[in-house]
PDB file of N, CA and C in Angstrom:
ATOM      1  N   MET A   1     104.148 117.530  75.119  1.00  0.00           N
ATOM      2  CA  MET A   1     104.407 116.668  76.230  1.00  0.00           C
ATOM      3  C   MET A   1     104.313 115.424  75.738  1.00  0.00           C
ATOM      4  N   PRO A   2     105.091 114.476  75.752  1.00  0.00           N
ATOM      5  CA  PRO A   2     105.022 112.973  75.059  1.00  0.00           C
ATOM      6  C   PRO A   2     103.938 112.161  75.650  1.00  0.00           C
ATOM      7  N   LYS A   3     103.181 111.447  75.032  1.00  0.00           N
ATOM      8  CA  LYS A   3     101.875 110.735  75.435  1.00  0.00           C
ATOM      9  C   LYS A   3     102.350 109.801  76.228  1.00  0.00           C
ATOM     10  N   GLU A   4     103.416 109.265  76.634  1.00  0.00           N
ATOM     11  CA  GLU A   4     103.980 108.310  77.248  1.00  0.00           C
ATOM     12  C   GLU A   4     104.043 108.736  78.513  1.00  0.00           C
ATOM     13  N   SER A   5     103.783 109.906  78.868  1.00  0.00           N
ATOM     14  CA  SER A   5     104.016 110.338  80.197  1.00  0.00           C
ATOM     15  C   SER A   5     102.504 110.869  80.775  1.00  0.00           C
ATOM     16  N   CYS A   6     101.529 110.272  80.234  1.00  0.00           N
ATOM     17  CA  CYS A   6     100.451 110.472  80.813  1.00  0.00           C
ATOM     18  C   CYS A   6      99.689 109.049  80.917  1.00  0.00           C
ATOM     19  N   LEU A   7      98.674 109.330  82.129  1.00  0.00           N
ATOM     20  CA  LEU A   7      97.909 107.963  82.576  1.00  0.00           C
ATOM     21  C   LEU A   7      96.594 108.647  82.632  1.00  0.00           C
ATOM     22  N   ILE A   8      95.625 107.606  82.357  1.00  0.00           N
ATOM     23  CA  ILE A   8      94.525 107.948  82.488  1.00  0.00           C
ATOM     24  C   ILE A   8      93.624 107.334  83.819  1.00  0.00           C
ATOM     25  N   VAL A   9      93.125 107.967  84.807  1.00  0.00           N
ATOM     26  CA  VAL A   9      92.736 107.236  86.067  1.00  0.00           C
ATOM     27  C   VAL A   9      91.233 107.061  86.321  1.00  0.00           C
ATOM     28  N   PHE A  10      90.977 106.096  86.661  1.00  0.00           N
ATOM     29  CA  PHE A  10      89.435 105.915  87.095  1.00  0.00           C
ATOM     30  C   PHE A  10      89.111 106.083  88.287  1.00  0.00           C
ATOM     31  N   ALA A  11      88.833 107.227  88.872  1.00  0.00           N
ATOM     32  CA  ALA A  11      88.310 107.349  90.294  1.00  0.00           C
ATOM     33  C   ALA A  11      87.711 108.888  90.524  1.00  0.00           C
ATOM     34  N   ALA A  12      86.929 108.851  91.442  1.00  0.00           N
ATOM     35  CA  ALA A  12      85.961 110.157  91.928  1.00  0.00           C
ATOM     36  C   ALA A  12      86.612 110.280  93.335  1.00  0.00           C
ATOM     37  N   GLY A  13      85.530 111.661  93.358  1.00  0.00           N
ATOM     38  CA  GLY A  13      85.467 111.841  95.155  1.00  0.00           C
ATOM     39  C   GLY A  13      86.988 111.796  95.742  1.00  0.00           C
ATOM     40  N   ARG A  14      86.844 111.254  97.019  1.00  0.00           N
ATOM     41  CA  ARG A  14      87.737 111.943  97.972  1.00  0.00           C
ATOM     42  C   ARG A  14      89.098 111.122  97.352  1.00  0.00           C
ATOM     43  N   LYS A  15      89.303 110.050  96.792  1.00  0.00           N
ATOM     44  CA  LYS A  15      90.338 109.327  95.866  1.00  0.00           C
ATOM     45  C   LYS A  15      91.017 110.227  94.944  1.00  0.00           C
ATOM     46  N   MET A  16      90.066 110.831  94.092  1.00  0.00           N
ATOM     47  CA  MET A  16      90.753 111.763  93.344  1.00  0.00           C
ATOM     48  C   MET A  16      91.334 113.049  93.909  1.00  0.00           C
ATOM     49  N   ASP A  17      90.622 113.533  94.683  1.00  0.00           N
ATOM     50  CA  ASP A  17      91.410 114.432  95.801  1.00  0.00           C
ATOM     51  C   ASP A  17      92.824 114.248  96.206  1.00  0.00           C
ATOM     52  N   LEU A  18      92.831 112.865  96.748  1.00  0.00           N
ATOM     53  CA  LEU A  18      94.358 112.214  97.406  1.00  0.00           C
ATOM     54  C   LEU A  18      95.227 112.299  96.150  1.00  0.00           C
ATOM     55  N   LEU A  19      94.513 111.845  94.710  1.00  0.00           N
ATOM     56  CA  LEU A  19      95.518 111.395  93.931  1.00  0.00           C
ATOM     57  C   LEU A  19      96.266 112.703  93.250  1.00  0.00           C
ATOM     58  N   ARG A  20      95.315 114.189  93.155  1.00  0.00           N
ATOM     59  CA  ARG A  20      95.744 115.186  92.714  1.00  0.00           C
ATOM     60  C   ARG A  20      97.023 115.668  93.818  1.00  0.00           C
ATOM     61  N   GLY A  21      96.834 115.305  95.043  1.00  0.00           N
ATOM     62  CA  GLY A  21      97.734 115.416  96.226  1.00  0.00           C
ATOM     63  C   GLY A  21      99.024 114.966  95.894  1.00  0.00           C
ATOM     64  N   GLU A  22      99.062 113.656  95.584  1.00  0.00           N
ATOM     65  CA  GLU A  22     100.049 112.679  95.275  1.00  0.00           C
ATOM     66  C   GLU A  22     100.914 113.199  94.164  1.00  0.00           C
ATOM     67  N   ALA A  23      99.985 113.545  92.931  1.00  0.00           N
ATOM     68  CA  ALA A  23     100.891 113.937  91.426  1.00  0.00           C
ATOM     69  C   ALA A  23     101.531 115.200  92.131  1.00  0.00           C
ATOM     70  N   SER A  24     100.907 116.154  92.714  1.00  0.00           N
ATOM     71  CA  SER A  24     101.896 117.356  92.859  1.00  0.00           C
ATOM     72  C   SER A  24     102.829 117.122  93.764  1.00  0.00           C
ATOM     73  N   ARG A  25     102.802 116.087  94.892  1.00  0.00           N
ATOM     74  CA  ARG A  25     104.159 115.680  95.571  1.00  0.00           C
ATOM     75  C   ARG A  25     105.026 114.927  94.949  1.00  0.00           C
ATOM     76  N   ILE A  26     104.762 114.190  93.879  1.00  0.00           N
ATOM     77  CA  ILE A  26     105.726 113.259  93.224  1.00  0.00           C
ATOM     78  C   ILE A  26     106.439 114.327  92.162  1.00  0.00           C
ATOM     79  N   ALA A  27     105.466 115.061  91.481  1.00  0.00           N
ATOM     80  CA  ALA A  27     105.852 116.321  90.739  1.00  0.00           C
ATOM     81  C   ALA A  27     106.949 116.928  91.143  1.00  0.00           C
ATOM     82  N   LYS A  28     106.727 117.557  92.253  1.00  0.00           N
ATOM     83  CA  LYS A  28     107.374 118.581  93.056  1.00  0.00           C
ATOM     84  C   LYS A  28     108.924 117.564  93.446  1.00  0.00           C
ATOM     85  N   GLY A  29     108.692 116.787  94.005  1.00  0.00           N
ATOM     86  CA  GLY A  29     110.059 115.547  94.398  1.00  0.00           C
ATOM     87  C   GLY A  29     110.772 115.499  92.945  1.00  0.00           C
ATOM     88  N   ASN A  30     110.266 115.389  91.914  1.00  0.00           N
ATOM     89  CA  ASN A  30     111.237 115.264  90.714  1.00  0.00           C
ATOM     90  C   ASN A  30     111.453 116.229  89.845  1.00  0.00           C
ATOM     91  N   ASN A  31     110.893 117.479  90.467  1.00  0.00           N
ATOM     92  CA  ASN A  31     111.461 118.806  89.942  1.00  0.00           C
ATOM     93  C   ASN A  31     110.912 118.978  88.575  1.00  0.00           C
ATOM     94  N   VAL A  32     109.457 118.075  88.255  1.00  0.00           N
ATOM     95  CA  VAL A  32     108.521 118.287  86.989  1.00  0.00           C
ATOM     96  C   VAL A  32     107.334 119.050  87.037  1.00  0.00           C
ATOM     97  N   ASP A  33     106.738 119.430  85.659  1.00  0.00           N
ATOM     98  CA  ASP A  33     105.334 119.851  85.991  1.00  0.00           C
ATOM     99  C   ASP A  33     104.451 118.788  85.583  1.00  0.00           C
ATOM    100  N   TRP A  34     103.107 119.293  85.839  1.00  0.00           N
ATOM    101  CA  TRP A  34     102.090 117.959  85.844  1.00  0.00           C
ATOM    102  C   TRP A  34     101.072 118.716  85.545  1.00  0.00           C
ATOM    103  N   TRP A  35      99.905 118.438  85.262  1.00  0.00           N
ATOM    104  CA  TRP A  35      98.536 118.736  84.931  1.00  0.00           C
ATOM    105  C   TRP A  35      97.458 117.555  84.987  1.00  0.00           C
ATOM    106  N   SER A  36      96.362 117.693  85.109  1.00  0.00           N
ATOM    107  CA  SER A  36      95.301 116.824  85.035  1.00  0.00           C
ATOM    108  C   SER A  36      94.259 117.603  83.975  1.00  0.00           C
ATOM    109  N   ASP A  37      93.407 116.762  83.423  1.00  0.00           N
ATOM    110  CA  ASP A  37      91.982 117.329  82.551  1.00  0.00           C
ATOM    111  C   ASP A  37      91.157 116.169  82.463  1.00  0.00           C
ATOM    112  N   ARG A  38      89.954 116.439  82.619  1.00  0.00           N
ATOM    113  CA  ARG A  38      88.991 115.348  82.389  1.00  0.00           C
ATOM    114  C   ARG A  38      89.150 114.795  80.855  1.00  0.00           C
ATOM    115  N   VAL A  39      88.550 113.637  80.583  1.00  0.00           N
ATOM    116  CA  VAL A  39      88.721 113.011  79.305  1.00  0.00           C
ATOM    117  C   VAL A  39      87.480 112.154  79.755  1.00  0.00           C
ATOM    118  N   GLU A  40      86.498 111.581  78.373  1.00  0.00           N
ATOM    119  CA  GLU A  40      85.709 110.937  78.360  1.00  0.00           C
ATOM    120  C   GLU A  40      85.389 109.734  79.425  1.00  0.00           C
ATOM    121  N   ILE A  41      86.738 109.041  79.511  1.00  0.00           N
ATOM    122  CA  ILE A  41      86.603 107.842  80.422  1.00  0.00           C
ATOM    123  C   ILE A  41      87.049 108.069  81.662  1.00  0.00           C
ATOM    124  N   GLY A  42      87.763 109.218  82.243  1.00  0.00           N
ATOM    125  CA  GLY A  42      88.446 109.487  83.620  1.00  0.00           C
ATOM    126  C   GLY A  42      89.089 110.676  83.557  1.00  0.00           C
ATOM    127  N   THR A  43      90.130 110.641  84.451  1.00  0.00           N
ATOM    128  CA  THR A  43      90.598 111.897  84.078  1.00  0.00           C
ATOM    129  C   THR A  43      92.298 111.622  83.620  1.00  0.00           C
ATOM    130  N   ARG A  44      93.051 112.502  82.900  1.00  0.00           N
ATOM    131  CA  ARG A  44      94.127 112.114  82.333  1.00  0.00           C
ATOM    132  C   ARG A  44      95.500 112.941  83.248  1.00  0.00           C
ATOM    133  N   PHE A  45      96.145 112.338  83.504  1.00  0.00           N
ATOM    134  CA  PHE A  45      97.350 112.930  84.706  1.00  0.00           C
ATOM    135  C   PHE A  45      98.718 113.079  83.810  1.00  0.00           C
ATOM    136  N   CYS A  46      98.963 114.176  83.226  1.00  0.00           N
ATOM    137  CA  CYS A  46     100.150 113.960  82.782  1.00  0.00           C
ATOM    138  C   CYS A  46     101.285 114.779  83.479  1.00  0.00           C
ATOM    139  N   PHE A  47     102.625 114.388  83.478  1.00  0.00           N
ATOM    140  CA  PHE A  47     103.951 114.571  83.916  1.00  0.00           C
ATOM    141  C   PHE A  47     105.103 114.760  82.843  1.00  0.00           C
ATOM    142  N   ALA A  48     105.984 115.970  83.197  1.00  0.00           N
ATOM    143  CA  ALA A  48     106.998 116.225  82.362  1.00  0.00           C
ATOM    144  C   ALA A  48     108.154 115.051  81.795  1.00  0.00           C
ATOM    145  N   ASP A  49     108.077 114.014  83.028  1.00  0.00           N
ATOM    146  CA  ASP A  49     108.914 113.049  82.573  1.00  0.00           C
ATOM    147  C   ASP A  49     108.174 111.433  82.841  1.00  0.00           C
ATOM    148  N   SER A  50     108.817 110.421  82.409  1.00  0.00           N
ATOM    149  CA  SER A  50     108.320 109.023  82.462  1.00  0.00           C
ATOM    150  C   SER A  50     108.496 108.832  83.831  1.00  0.00           C
ATOM    151  N   LYS A  51     109.492 108.954  84.513  1.00  0.00           N
ATOM    152  CA  LYS A  51     109.891 108.510  85.562  1.00  0.00           C
ATOM    153  C   LYS A  51     109.099 109.175  86.839  1.00  0.00           C
ATOM    154  N   ALA A  52     108.506 110.286  86.623  1.00  0.00           N
ATOM    155  CA  ALA A  52     107.256 110.870  87.703  1.00  0.00           C
ATOM    156  C   ALA A  52     106.168 110.155  87.363  1.00  0.00           C
ATOM    157  N   LYS A  53     106.021 109.613  85.965  1.00  0.00           N
ATOM    158  CA  LYS A  53     104.376 109.049  85.470  1.00  0.00           C
ATOM    159  C   LYS A  53     104.639 107.582  86.397  1.00  0.00           C
ATOM    160  N   ASP A  54     105.768 106.834  86.109  1.00  0.00           N
ATOM    161  CA  ASP A  54     105.655 105.644  86.665  1.00  0.00           C
ATOM    162  C   ASP A  54     105.611 105.692  88.337  1.00  0.00           C
ATOM    163  N   ALA A  55     105.968 106.803  88.935  1.00  0.00           N
ATOM    164  CA  ALA A  55     105.727 106.597  90.215  1.00  0.00           C
ATOM    165  C   ALA A  55     104.306 107.060  90.758  1.00  0.00           C
ATOM    166  N   PHE A  56     103.692 107.885  89.962  1.00  0.00           N
ATOM    167  CA  PHE A  56     102.088 108.067  89.981  1.00  0.00           C
ATOM    168  C   PHE A  56     101.613 106.884  89.706  1.00  0.00           C
ATOM    169  N   ALA A  57     101.917 106.189  88.736  1.00  0.00           N
ATOM    170  CA  ALA A  57     101.077 104.758  88.846  1.00  0.00           C
ATOM    171  C   ALA A  57     101.426 103.696  89.609  1.00  0.00           C
ATOM    172  N   LEU A  58     102.287 103.604  90.366  1.00  0.00           N
ATOM    173  CA  LEU A  58     102.541 102.854  91.715  1.00  0.00           C
ATOM    174  C   LEU A  58     101.683 103.321  92.564  1.00  0.00           C
ATOM    175  N   THR A  59     101.673 104.606  92.826  1.00  0.00           N
ATOM    176  CA  THR A  59     100.564 105.646  93.905  1.00  0.00           C
ATOM    177  C   THR A  59      99.216 104.876  93.657  1.00  0.00           C
ATOM    178  N   CYS A  60      98.842 104.874  92.481  1.00  0.00           N
ATOM    179  CA  CYS A  60      97.389 104.731  91.908  1.00  0.00           C
ATOM    180  C   CYS A  60      97.304 103.046  92.247  1.00  0.00           C
ATOM    181  N   ASP A  61      98.474 102.303  92.058  1.00  0.00           N
ATOM    182  CA  ASP A  61      98.083 100.959  92.597  1.00  0.00           C
ATOM    183  C   ASP A  61      97.776 100.281  94.198  1.00  0.00           C
ATOM    184  N   ASN A  62      98.697 101.643  94.692  1.00  0.00           N
ATOM    185  CA  ASN A  62      98.858 101.453  96.278  1.00  0.00           C
ATOM    186  C   ASN A  62      96.997 101.922  96.818  1.00  0.00           C
ATOM    187  N   PHE A  63      96.630 102.892  96.151  1.00  0.00           N
ATOM    188  CA  PHE A  63      95.353 103.310  96.635  1.00  0.00           C
ATOM    189  C   PHE A  63      94.094 102.414  95.464  1.00  0.00           C
ATOM    190  N   GLY A  64      94.392 101.329  95.221  1.00  0.00           N
ATOM    191  CA  GLY A  64      93.765 100.457  94.792  1.00  0.00           C
ATOM    192  C   GLY A  64      93.074 101.143  93.266  1.00  0.00           C
ATOM    193  N   VAL A  65      93.068 102.228  92.653  1.00  0.00           N
ATOM    194  CA  VAL A  65      92.770 102.678  91.698  1.00  0.00           C
ATOM    195  C   VAL A  65      93.414 101.991  90.037  1.00  0.00           C
ATOM    196  N   SER A  66      92.409 102.065  89.356  1.00  0.00           N
ATOM    197  CA  SER A  66      92.623 101.809  88.041  1.00  0.00           C
ATOM    198  C   SER A  66      93.503 102.769  87.272  1.00  0.00           C
ATOM    199  N   CYS A  67      93.852 102.387  86.397  1.00  0.00           N
ATOM    200  CA  CYS A  67      94.681 103.474  85.581  1.00  0.00           C
ATOM    201  C   CYS A  67      95.421 102.896  84.154  1.00  0.00           C
ATOM    202  N   ARG A  68      95.463 103.613  83.221  1.00  0.00           N
ATOM    203  CA  ARG A  68      96.282 102.953  81.970  1.00  0.00           C
ATOM    204  C   ARG A  68      96.902 104.147  81.424  1.00  0.00           C
ATOM    205  N   ASP A  69      97.945 103.741  80.421  1.00  0.00           N
ATOM    206  CA  ASP A  69      98.548 104.769  79.656  1.00  0.00           C
ATOM    207  C   ASP A  69      97.627 105.518  78.745  1.00  0.00           C
ATOM    208  N   GLY A  70      97.766 106.953  78.579  1.00  0.00           N
ATOM    209  CA  GLY A  70      96.958 107.594  77.946  1.00  0.00           C
ATOM    210  C   GLY A  70      97.517 109.021  77.639  1.00  0.00           C
TER     211      GLY A  70
END
């Protein structure tokens, strides 16, 4: 999967649970796969295309959660 389809998110607890749910909803709506894994500095969310990643980045902004390309 291309690196540009991943975001590193800086969240924990309930916000992380909400973000996982939103990632699933966005991926399903775009008919693409997604996954997340822990990294040293946060959690990496990856999507099968950049359109889904961009939608997820907007969701992070709406929740007030910091994220960066990763």
